[in-house]
Amino acid sequence: MHAKVLIVDDSIANLIILEEYLSVFDNEIITAENGELAYQIAVEQTPDIILMDWDMPVMNGIESLKLLKKNYLTKDIPVIIVTGNYQESYNLNEAFSEGAIDFIKKPIERIELIARVKSVLGFVKYYKMAMQQSQRELSNSLLQQSRLTGFYNQISQKLSLLSQNFPDTTNVVDEITGSITIQLVDVAWKNFEVSFASVNVNFFKNLSNTHPDLSSSEIRLCTLLRLNMESKEIAAFLHQEETSVRVSRSRLRKKLGIKTEDSLCNYFMRF
């Protein structure tokens, strides 16, 4: 398969060797000479796989790996750590615990490198296919939720007018509105949560463990922010005023102790 491969090593000689070894594939090769530059390139170009040297100046491979796994744009890119100095079992554990998918020792054997990279790229291919299907299901659930929310709001507005014009119907109107909320909006959101959880495994569990005092409406907002939706998009989706959404975001940020300059999306990507 054609893939974009980012090779990171402070040694020009090693970069040349790795490029030559990987020339057997129909790949686009990108190179970086330290972990900081690798992170910047990964964010901008989202390679399919990264071969990351451990010991480098400016920023080493593990430090770069930590940044990659915290960013929602790069967290799913498989990283193979390549090293000649850190080969003890506790080094392997550190690399894997930070999110590395594999570990290759220097000096690099050509056959081993090709086999490892081919294996990971095969995983990437099927992972992307599965993610595309899951994303389609998630998009359909979002669309269904948005339509039902809009439908619910229209009915609620008409029922509210009915209640104002005929005060005797207030109790009946409230009962109907509550029933619609349960049957339409809440059920649709639960269906959306199932689709969302299939793409973002353990999100709700991790979120509730870290912030057990979140209300149901705040959890919904967190979920939409996790999808990197802007206030305008959330307002359209929930059929609310954008000002109201901005206020809710501000209150949520304050409640969770997230600084104004920090990205809410990146924060919720951790869960």
C-alpha atoms as a PDB file:
ATOM      1  CA  MET A   1       0.000   0.000   0.000  1.00  0.00           C
ATOM      2  CA  HIS A   2       1.090   3.585  -0.627  1.00  0.00           C
ATOM      3  CA  ALA A   3       1.823   5.275   2.675  1.00  0.00           C
ATOM      4  CA  LYS A   4       3.411   8.384   4.118  1.00  0.00           C
ATOM      5  CA  VAL A   5       6.335   7.436   6.377  1.00  0.00           C
ATOM      6  CA  LEU A   6       8.058   9.873   8.746  1.00  0.00           C
ATOM      7  CA  ILE A   7      11.616   8.868   9.702  1.00  0.00           C
ATOM      8  CA  VAL A   8      13.139  10.682  12.677  1.00  0.00           C
ATOM      9  CA  ASP A   9      16.861  10.471  13.472  1.00  0.00           C
ATOM     10  CA  ASP A  10      19.578  13.027  14.247  1.00  0.00           C
ATOM     11  CA  SER A  11      22.051  11.028  12.147  1.00  0.00           C
ATOM     12  CA  ILE A  12      21.952  11.833   8.419  1.00  0.00           C
ATOM     13  CA  ALA A  13      23.626   8.477   7.717  1.00  0.00           C
ATOM     14  CA  ASN A  14      20.828   6.623   9.534  1.00  0.00           C
ATOM     15  CA  LEU A  15      18.187   8.589   7.655  1.00  0.00           C
ATOM     16  CA  ILE A  16      19.775   7.617   4.338  1.00  0.00           C
ATOM     17  CA  ILE A  17      19.963   3.946   5.343  1.00  0.00           C
ATOM     18  CA  LEU A  18      16.343   3.839   6.495  1.00  0.00           C
ATOM     19  CA  GLU A  19      15.154   5.585   3.336  1.00  0.00           C
ATOM     20  CA  GLU A  20      17.065   3.072   1.222  1.00  0.00           C
ATOM     21  CA  TYR A  21      15.659   0.099   3.133  1.00  0.00           C
ATOM     22  CA  LEU A  22      12.109   1.391   2.801  1.00  0.00           C
ATOM     23  CA  SER A  23      12.467   2.162  -0.913  1.00  0.00           C
ATOM     24  CA  VAL A  24      11.013  -1.308  -1.621  1.00  0.00           C
ATOM     25  CA  PHE A  25       7.609   0.168  -0.769  1.00  0.00           C
ATOM     26  CA  ASP A  26       5.738   2.714  -2.862  1.00  0.00           C
ATOM     27  CA  ASN A  27       5.922   5.181  -0.015  1.00  0.00           C
ATOM     28  CA  GLU A  28       6.338   8.895   0.483  1.00  0.00           C
ATOM     29  CA  ILE A  29       9.276   9.385   2.833  1.00  0.00           C
ATOM     30  CA  ILE A  30       9.532  12.417   5.122  1.00  0.00           C
ATOM     31  CA  THR A  31      12.478  12.996   7.457  1.00  0.00           C
ATOM     32  CA  ALA A  32      13.138  14.969  10.634  1.00  0.00           C
ATOM     33  CA  GLU A  33      16.299  15.366  12.700  1.00  0.00           C
ATOM     34  CA  ASN A  34      14.778  15.700  16.180  1.00  0.00           C
ATOM     35  CA  GLY A  35      11.600  14.997  18.087  1.00  0.00           C
ATOM     36  CA  GLU A  36      10.366  18.583  18.120  1.00  0.00           C
ATOM     37  CA  LEU A  37      10.531  18.889  14.336  1.00  0.00           C
ATOM     38  CA  ALA A  38       8.949  15.440  14.014  1.00  0.00           C
ATOM     39  CA  TYR A  39       5.976  16.531  16.101  1.00  0.00           C
ATOM     40  CA  GLN A  40       5.477  19.674  13.995  1.00  0.00           C
ATOM     41  CA  ILE A  41       5.629  17.678  10.759  1.00  0.00           C
ATOM     42  CA  ALA A  42       3.250  15.030  12.111  1.00  0.00           C
ATOM     43  CA  VAL A  43       0.654  17.665  13.023  1.00  0.00           C
ATOM     44  CA  GLU A  44       0.913  19.292   9.595  1.00  0.00           C
ATOM     45  CA  GLN A  45       1.152  16.184   7.395  1.00  0.00           C
ATOM     46  CA  THR A  46      -0.287  13.297   9.495  1.00  0.00           C
ATOM     47  CA  PRO A  47       1.937  10.458   8.269  1.00  0.00           C
ATOM     48  CA  ASP A  48       0.671   6.872   8.319  1.00  0.00           C
ATOM     49  CA  ILE A  49       3.602   5.653  10.421  1.00  0.00           C
ATOM     50  CA  ILE A  50       6.568   7.160  12.282  1.00  0.00           C
ATOM     51  CA  LEU A  51       9.996   5.571  12.832  1.00  0.00           C
ATOM     52  CA  MET A  52      11.335   7.480  15.827  1.00  0.00           C
ATOM     53  CA  ASP A  53      14.893   7.413  17.141  1.00  0.00           C
ATOM     54  CA  TRP A  54      15.048   7.556  20.933  1.00  0.00           C
ATOM     55  CA  ASP A  55      18.216   9.522  21.704  1.00  0.00           C
ATOM     56  CA  MET A  56      18.185  12.901  19.909  1.00  0.00           C
ATOM     57  CA  PRO A  57      19.047  16.529  20.717  1.00  0.00           C
ATOM     58  CA  VAL A  58      16.420  19.272  21.191  1.00  0.00           C
ATOM     59  CA  MET A  59      13.712  16.684  21.950  1.00  0.00           C
ATOM     60  CA  ASN A  60      14.187  12.933  22.249  1.00  0.00           C
ATOM     61  CA  GLY A  61      11.885  10.279  20.827  1.00  0.00           C
ATOM     62  CA  ILE A  62       9.943   9.536  24.006  1.00  0.00           C
ATOM     63  CA  GLU A  63       9.242  13.217  24.663  1.00  0.00           C
ATOM     64  CA  SER A  64       8.008  13.591  21.090  1.00  0.00           C
ATOM     65  CA  LEU A  65       5.898  10.442  21.454  1.00  0.00           C
ATOM     66  CA  LYS A  66       4.174  11.892  24.518  1.00  0.00           C
ATOM     67  CA  LEU A  67       3.213  15.020  22.580  1.00  0.00           C
ATOM     68  CA  LEU A  68       1.954  12.977  19.634  1.00  0.00           C
ATOM     69  CA  LYS A  69      -0.326  10.900  21.837  1.00  0.00           C
ATOM     70  CA  LYS A  70      -1.807  13.985  23.507  1.00  0.00           C
ATOM     71  CA  ASN A  71      -2.797  15.643  20.236  1.00  0.00           C
ATOM     72  CA  TYR A  72      -6.059  14.453  18.671  1.00  0.00           C
ATOM     73  CA  LEU A  73      -4.569  14.983  15.188  1.00  0.00           C
ATOM     74  CA  THR A  74      -1.663  12.609  15.782  1.00  0.00           C
ATOM     75  CA  LYS A  75      -2.670  10.307  18.644  1.00  0.00           C
ATOM     76  CA  ASP A  76      -3.586   7.386  16.358  1.00  0.00           C
ATOM     77  CA  ILE A  77      -0.414   7.459  14.249  1.00  0.00           C
ATOM     78  CA  PRO A  78       1.566   4.262  15.005  1.00  0.00           C
ATOM     79  CA  VAL A  79       5.101   4.980  16.238  1.00  0.00           C
ATOM     80  CA  ILE A  80       7.992   2.508  16.091  1.00  0.00           C
ATOM     81  CA  ILE A  81      10.834   3.438  18.438  1.00  0.00           C
ATOM     82  CA  VAL A  82      14.312   2.836  16.993  1.00  0.00           C
ATOM     83  CA  THR A  83      17.319   2.842  19.325  1.00  0.00           C
ATOM     84  CA  GLY A  84      20.783   1.493  19.903  1.00  0.00           C
ATOM     85  CA  ASN A  85      21.242   2.766  23.448  1.00  0.00           C
ATOM     86  CA  TYR A  86      17.996   2.018  25.312  1.00  0.00           C
ATOM     87  CA  GLN A  87      17.413  -1.709  24.938  1.00  0.00           C
ATOM     88  CA  GLU A  88      16.756  -2.933  28.464  1.00  0.00           C
ATOM     89  CA  SER A  89      13.350  -4.312  29.449  1.00  0.00           C
ATOM     90  CA  TYR A  90      12.444  -1.202  31.448  1.00  0.00           C
ATOM     91  CA  ASN A  91      13.215   0.907  28.352  1.00  0.00           C
ATOM     92  CA  LEU A  92      10.801  -1.201  26.331  1.00  0.00           C
ATOM     93  CA  ASN A  93       8.161  -0.835  29.021  1.00  0.00           C
ATOM     94  CA  GLU A  94       8.601   2.928  29.016  1.00  0.00           C
ATOM     95  CA  ALA A  95       8.268   3.124  25.227  1.00  0.00           C
ATOM     96  CA  PHE A  96       5.175   0.929  25.140  1.00  0.00           C
ATOM     97  CA  SER A  97       3.548   2.665  28.108  1.00  0.00           C
ATOM     98  CA  GLU A  98       3.856   5.995  26.290  1.00  0.00           C
ATOM     99  CA  GLY A  99       2.106   4.573  23.219  1.00  0.00           C
ATOM    100  CA  ALA A 100       4.783   3.090  20.951  1.00  0.00           C
ATOM    101  CA  ILE A 101       3.448   0.238  18.827  1.00  0.00           C
ATOM    102  CA  ASP A 102       6.799  -1.494  18.251  1.00  0.00           C
ATOM    103  CA  PHE A 103      10.513  -1.354  19.109  1.00  0.00           C
ATOM    104  CA  ILE A 104      13.477  -1.900  16.731  1.00  0.00           C
ATOM    105  CA  LYS A 105      17.072  -2.205  17.858  1.00  0.00           C
ATOM    106  CA  LYS A 106      20.102  -0.718  16.125  1.00  0.00           C
ATOM    107  CA  PRO A 107      22.000  -1.713  14.093  1.00  0.00           C
ATOM    108  CA  ILE A 108      18.905  -2.189  11.985  1.00  0.00           C
ATOM    109  CA  GLU A 109      18.472  -5.387   9.998  1.00  0.00           C
ATOM    110  CA  ARG A 110      16.924  -4.659   6.606  1.00  0.00           C
ATOM    111  CA  ILE A 111      14.633  -7.715   6.555  1.00  0.00           C
ATOM    112  CA  GLU A 112      13.422  -7.105  10.104  1.00  0.00           C
ATOM    113  CA  LEU A 113      12.695  -3.440   9.394  1.00  0.00           C
ATOM    114  CA  ILE A 114      10.720  -4.206   6.240  1.00  0.00           C
ATOM    115  CA  ALA A 115       8.735  -6.940   8.001  1.00  0.00           C
ATOM    116  CA  ARG A 116       7.874  -4.719  10.980  1.00  0.00           C
ATOM    117  CA  VAL A 117       6.879  -1.731   8.856  1.00  0.00           C
ATOM    118  CA  LYS A 118       4.833  -3.900   6.474  1.00  0.00           C
ATOM    119  CA  SER A 119       3.006  -5.433   9.427  1.00  0.00           C
ATOM    120  CA  VAL A 120       2.158  -2.052  10.960  1.00  0.00           C
ATOM    121  CA  LEU A 121       1.052  -0.582   7.617  1.00  0.00           C
ATOM    122  CA  GLY A 122      -1.275  -3.544   7.164  1.00  0.00           C
ATOM    123  CA  PHE A 123      -2.778  -2.748  10.533  1.00  0.00           C
ATOM    124  CA  VAL A 124      -3.123   0.912   9.533  1.00  0.00           C
ATOM    125  CA  LYS A 125      -5.004  -0.048   6.363  1.00  0.00           C
ATOM    126  CA  TYR A 126      -7.654  -2.097   8.180  1.00  0.00           C
ATOM    127  CA  TYR A 127      -7.792   0.341  11.086  1.00  0.00           C
ATOM    128  CA  LYS A 128      -8.615   3.174   8.688  1.00  0.00           C
ATOM    129  CA  MET A 129     -11.294   1.072   7.008  1.00  0.00           C
ATOM    130  CA  ALA A 130     -12.880   0.288  10.385  1.00  0.00           C
ATOM    131  CA  MET A 131     -12.645   3.911  11.466  1.00  0.00           C
ATOM    132  CA  GLN A 132     -14.262   5.113   8.245  1.00  0.00           C
ATOM    133  CA  GLN A 133     -17.202   2.795   8.827  1.00  0.00           C
ATOM    134  CA  SER A 134     -17.474   3.865  12.460  1.00  0.00           C
ATOM    135  CA  GLN A 135     -17.236   7.519  11.479  1.00  0.00           C
ATOM    136  CA  ARG A 136     -20.023   7.071   8.938  1.00  0.00           C
ATOM    137  CA  GLU A 137     -22.217   5.510  11.607  1.00  0.00           C
ATOM    138  CA  LEU A 138     -21.326   8.324  13.991  1.00  0.00           C
ATOM    139  CA  SER A 139     -22.145  10.955  11.353  1.00  0.00           C
ATOM    140  CA  ASN A 140     -25.517   9.334  10.695  1.00  0.00           C
ATOM    141  CA  SER A 141     -26.257   9.328  14.426  1.00  0.00           C
ATOM    142  CA  LEU A 142     -25.285  13.000  14.663  1.00  0.00           C
ATOM    143  CA  LEU A 143     -27.608  13.831  11.786  1.00  0.00           C
ATOM    144  CA  GLN A 144     -30.468  11.859  13.339  1.00  0.00           C
ATOM    145  CA  GLN A 145     -29.931  13.525  16.726  1.00  0.00           C
ATOM    146  CA  SER A 146     -29.862  16.988  15.165  1.00  0.00           C
ATOM    147  CA  ARG A 147     -33.053  16.396  13.191  1.00  0.00           C
ATOM    148  CA  LEU A 148     -34.914  15.021  16.186  1.00  0.00           C
ATOM    149  CA  THR A 149     -33.730  17.861  18.400  1.00  0.00           C
ATOM    150  CA  GLY A 150     -34.996  20.355  15.847  1.00  0.00           C
ATOM    151  CA  PHE A 151     -38.295  18.490  15.573  1.00  0.00           C
ATOM    152  CA  TYR A 152     -38.617  18.455  19.359  1.00  0.00           C
ATOM    153  CA  ASN A 153     -37.952  22.203  19.592  1.00  0.00           C
ATOM    154  CA  GLN A 154     -40.591  22.949  16.964  1.00  0.00           C
ATOM    155  CA  ILE A 155     -43.188  20.888  18.800  1.00  0.00           C
ATOM    156  CA  SER A 156     -42.235  22.416  22.156  1.00  0.00           C
ATOM    157  CA  GLN A 157     -42.656  25.937  20.786  1.00  0.00           C
ATOM    158  CA  LYS A 158     -46.108  25.141  19.393  1.00  0.00           C
ATOM    159  CA  LEU A 159     -47.178  23.439  22.613  1.00  0.00           C
ATOM    160  CA  SER A 160     -45.903  26.426  24.599  1.00  0.00           C
ATOM    161  CA  LEU A 161     -48.099  28.738  22.526  1.00  0.00           C
ATOM    162  CA  LEU A 162     -51.034  26.410  23.109  1.00  0.00           C
ATOM    163  CA  SER A 163     -50.426  26.501  26.854  1.00  0.00           C
ATOM    164  CA  GLN A 164     -50.253  30.310  26.832  1.00  0.00           C
ATOM    165  CA  ASN A 165     -53.468  30.656  24.891  1.00  0.00           C
ATOM    166  CA  PHE A 166     -55.285  27.958  26.849  1.00  0.00           C
ATOM    167  CA  PRO A 167     -53.977  27.918  30.445  1.00  0.00           C
ATOM    168  CA  ASP A 168     -56.158  24.930  31.304  1.00  0.00           C
ATOM    169  CA  THR A 169     -54.019  22.752  29.036  1.00  0.00           C
ATOM    170  CA  THR A 170     -50.745  23.487  30.881  1.00  0.00           C
ATOM    171  CA  ASN A 171     -50.573  20.161  32.731  1.00  0.00           C
ATOM    172  CA  VAL A 172     -51.373  18.161  29.621  1.00  0.00           C
ATOM    173  CA  VAL A 173     -48.837  20.128  27.574  1.00  0.00           C
ATOM    174  CA  ASP A 174     -46.127  19.547  30.179  1.00  0.00           C
ATOM    175  CA  GLU A 175     -46.899  15.829  30.151  1.00  0.00           C
ATOM    176  CA  ILE A 176     -46.714  15.656  26.364  1.00  0.00           C
ATOM    177  CA  THR A 177     -43.463  17.650  26.277  1.00  0.00           C
ATOM    178  CA  GLY A 178     -41.886  15.370  28.882  1.00  0.00           C
ATOM    179  CA  SER A 179     -42.964  12.291  26.947  1.00  0.00           C
ATOM    180  CA  ILE A 180     -41.480  13.642  23.716  1.00  0.00           C
ATOM    181  CA  THR A 181     -38.209  14.403  25.500  1.00  0.00           C
ATOM    182  CA  ILE A 182     -37.893  10.822  26.696  1.00  0.00           C
ATOM    183  CA  GLN A 183     -39.103   9.105  23.545  1.00  0.00           C
ATOM    184  CA  LEU A 184     -37.346  11.222  20.934  1.00  0.00           C
ATOM    185  CA  VAL A 185     -34.441  13.292  22.180  1.00  0.00           C
ATOM    186  CA  ASP A 186     -33.113  11.047  24.956  1.00  0.00           C
ATOM    187  CA  VAL A 187     -33.448   7.827  22.953  1.00  0.00           C
ATOM    188  CA  ALA A 188     -31.763   9.420  19.940  1.00  0.00           C
ATOM    189  CA  TRP A 189     -28.913  10.660  22.129  1.00  0.00           C
ATOM    190  CA  LYS A 190     -28.442   7.196  23.604  1.00  0.00           C
ATOM    191  CA  ASN A 191     -28.178   5.790  20.082  1.00  0.00           C
ATOM    192  CA  PHE A 192     -25.633   8.479  19.284  1.00  0.00           C
ATOM    193  CA  GLU A 193     -23.652   7.601  22.419  1.00  0.00           C
ATOM    194  CA  VAL A 194     -23.391   3.988  21.234  1.00  0.00           C
ATOM    195  CA  SER A 195     -21.947   5.104  17.889  1.00  0.00           C
ATOM    196  CA  PHE A 196     -19.665   7.608  19.590  1.00  0.00           C
ATOM    197  CA  ALA A 197     -18.370   4.995  22.055  1.00  0.00           C
ATOM    198  CA  SER A 198     -17.547   2.606  19.201  1.00  0.00           C
ATOM    199  CA  VAL A 199     -15.114   5.215  17.881  1.00  0.00           C
ATOM    200  CA  ASN A 200     -13.997   6.669  21.223  1.00  0.00           C
ATOM    201  CA  VAL A 201     -13.727   3.645  23.490  1.00  0.00           C
ATOM    202  CA  ASN A 202     -13.911   4.290  27.266  1.00  0.00           C
ATOM    203  CA  PHE A 203     -14.490   8.036  26.800  1.00  0.00           C
ATOM    204  CA  PHE A 204     -17.588   8.185  28.992  1.00  0.00           C
ATOM    205  CA  LYS A 205     -16.080   5.899  31.623  1.00  0.00           C
ATOM    206  CA  ASN A 206     -12.830   7.867  31.854  1.00  0.00           C
ATOM    207  CA  LEU A 207     -14.655  11.192  31.816  1.00  0.00           C
ATOM    208  CA  SER A 208     -16.995  10.210  34.667  1.00  0.00           C
ATOM    209  CA  ASN A 209     -14.104   8.783  36.700  1.00  0.00           C
ATOM    210  CA  THR A 210     -12.174  12.047  36.400  1.00  0.00           C
ATOM    211  CA  HIS A 211     -15.170  14.380  36.690  1.00  0.00           C
ATOM    212  CA  PRO A 212     -17.956  12.528  38.538  1.00  0.00           C
ATOM    213  CA  ASP A 213     -19.923  15.721  39.212  1.00  0.00           C
ATOM    214  CA  LEU A 214     -20.748  16.504  35.576  1.00  0.00           C
ATOM    215  CA  SER A 215     -24.432  16.861  34.737  1.00  0.00           C
ATOM    216  CA  SER A 216     -25.981  15.066  31.767  1.00  0.00           C
ATOM    217  CA  SER A 217     -26.067  18.293  29.740  1.00  0.00           C
ATOM    218  CA  GLU A 218     -22.395  18.947  30.551  1.00  0.00           C
ATOM    219  CA  ILE A 219     -21.485  15.416  29.457  1.00  0.00           C
ATOM    220  CA  ARG A 220     -23.266  16.044  26.167  1.00  0.00           C
ATOM    221  CA  LEU A 221     -21.299  19.258  25.714  1.00  0.00           C
ATOM    222  CA  CYS A 222     -18.032  17.443  26.512  1.00  0.00           C
ATOM    223  CA  THR A 223     -18.917  14.838  23.904  1.00  0.00           C
ATOM    224  CA  LEU A 224     -19.511  17.410  21.182  1.00  0.00           C
ATOM    225  CA  LEU A 225     -16.328  19.273  22.128  1.00  0.00           C
ATOM    226  CA  ARG A 226     -14.467  15.951  21.861  1.00  0.00           C
ATOM    227  CA  LEU A 227     -15.582  15.940  18.220  1.00  0.00           C
ATOM    228  CA  ASN A 228     -13.887  19.348  17.828  1.00  0.00           C
ATOM    229  CA  MET A 229     -17.183  21.120  17.161  1.00  0.00           C
ATOM    230  CA  GLU A 230     -17.183  24.909  17.440  1.00  0.00           C
ATOM    231  CA  SER A 231     -19.819  26.821  19.414  1.00  0.00           C
ATOM    232  CA  LYS A 232     -21.642  27.730  16.202  1.00  0.00           C
ATOM    233  CA  GLU A 233     -21.777  24.081  15.129  1.00  0.00           C
ATOM    234  CA  ILE A 234     -22.910  22.916  18.574  1.00  0.00           C
ATOM    235  CA  ALA A 235     -25.621  25.580  18.616  1.00  0.00           C
ATOM    236  CA  ALA A 236     -26.892  24.439  15.209  1.00  0.00           C
ATOM    237  CA  PHE A 237     -26.737  20.806  16.270  1.00  0.00           C
ATOM    238  CA  LEU A 238     -28.625  21.390  19.532  1.00  0.00           C
ATOM    239  CA  HIS A 239     -30.848  24.080  18.015  1.00  0.00           C
ATOM    240  CA  GLN A 240     -29.773  26.575  20.660  1.00  0.00           C
ATOM    241  CA  GLU A 241     -28.510  30.145  20.587  1.00  0.00           C
ATOM    242  CA  GLU A 242     -24.762  30.370  20.003  1.00  0.00           C
ATOM    243  CA  THR A 243     -24.491  32.760  22.959  1.00  0.00           C
ATOM    244  CA  SER A 244     -26.007  30.092  25.211  1.00  0.00           C
ATOM    245  CA  VAL A 245     -23.466  27.530  24.026  1.00  0.00           C
ATOM    246  CA  ARG A 246     -20.590  29.934  24.623  1.00  0.00           C
ATOM    247  CA  VAL A 247     -21.795  30.538  28.175  1.00  0.00           C
ATOM    248  CA  SER A 248     -22.043  26.778  28.763  1.00  0.00           C
ATOM    249  CA  ARG A 249     -18.517  26.288  27.421  1.00  0.00           C
ATOM    250  CA  SER A 250     -17.192  29.032  29.685  1.00  0.00           C
ATOM    251  CA  ARG A 251     -18.868  27.533  32.742  1.00  0.00           C
ATOM    252  CA  LEU A 252     -17.601  24.060  31.853  1.00  0.00           C
ATOM    253  CA  ARG A 253     -14.043  25.343  31.389  1.00  0.00           C
ATOM    254  CA  LYS A 254     -14.195  27.031  34.808  1.00  0.00           C
ATOM    255  CA  LYS A 255     -15.693  23.961  36.474  1.00  0.00           C
ATOM    256  CA  LEU A 256     -12.982  21.668  35.087  1.00  0.00           C
ATOM    257  CA  GLY A 257     -10.177  24.132  35.759  1.00  0.00           C
ATOM    258  CA  ILE A 258      -9.090  24.411  32.119  1.00  0.00           C
ATOM    259  CA  LYS A 259      -7.174  27.546  31.195  1.00  0.00           C
ATOM    260  CA  THR A 260      -8.561  29.870  28.532  1.00  0.00           C
ATOM    261  CA  GLU A 261      -5.562  29.330  26.272  1.00  0.00           C
ATOM    262  CA  ASP A 262      -5.868  25.522  26.401  1.00  0.00           C
ATOM    263  CA  SER A 263      -7.902  23.650  23.785  1.00  0.00           C
ATOM    264  CA  LEU A 264     -11.042  21.979  25.132  1.00  0.00           C
ATOM    265  CA  CYS A 265     -10.905  19.467  22.304  1.00  0.00           C
ATOM    266  CA  ASN A 266      -7.341  18.463  23.156  1.00  0.00           C
ATOM    267  CA  TYR A 267      -8.330  18.153  26.814  1.00  0.00           C
ATOM    268  CA  PHE A 268     -11.181  15.759  26.086  1.00  0.00           C
ATOM    269  CA  MET A 269      -8.985  13.785  23.675  1.00  0.00           C
ATOM    270  CA  ARG A 270      -7.199  12.466  26.767  1.00  0.00           C
ATOM    271  CA  PHE A 271     -10.208  10.463  27.850  1.00  0.00           C
END
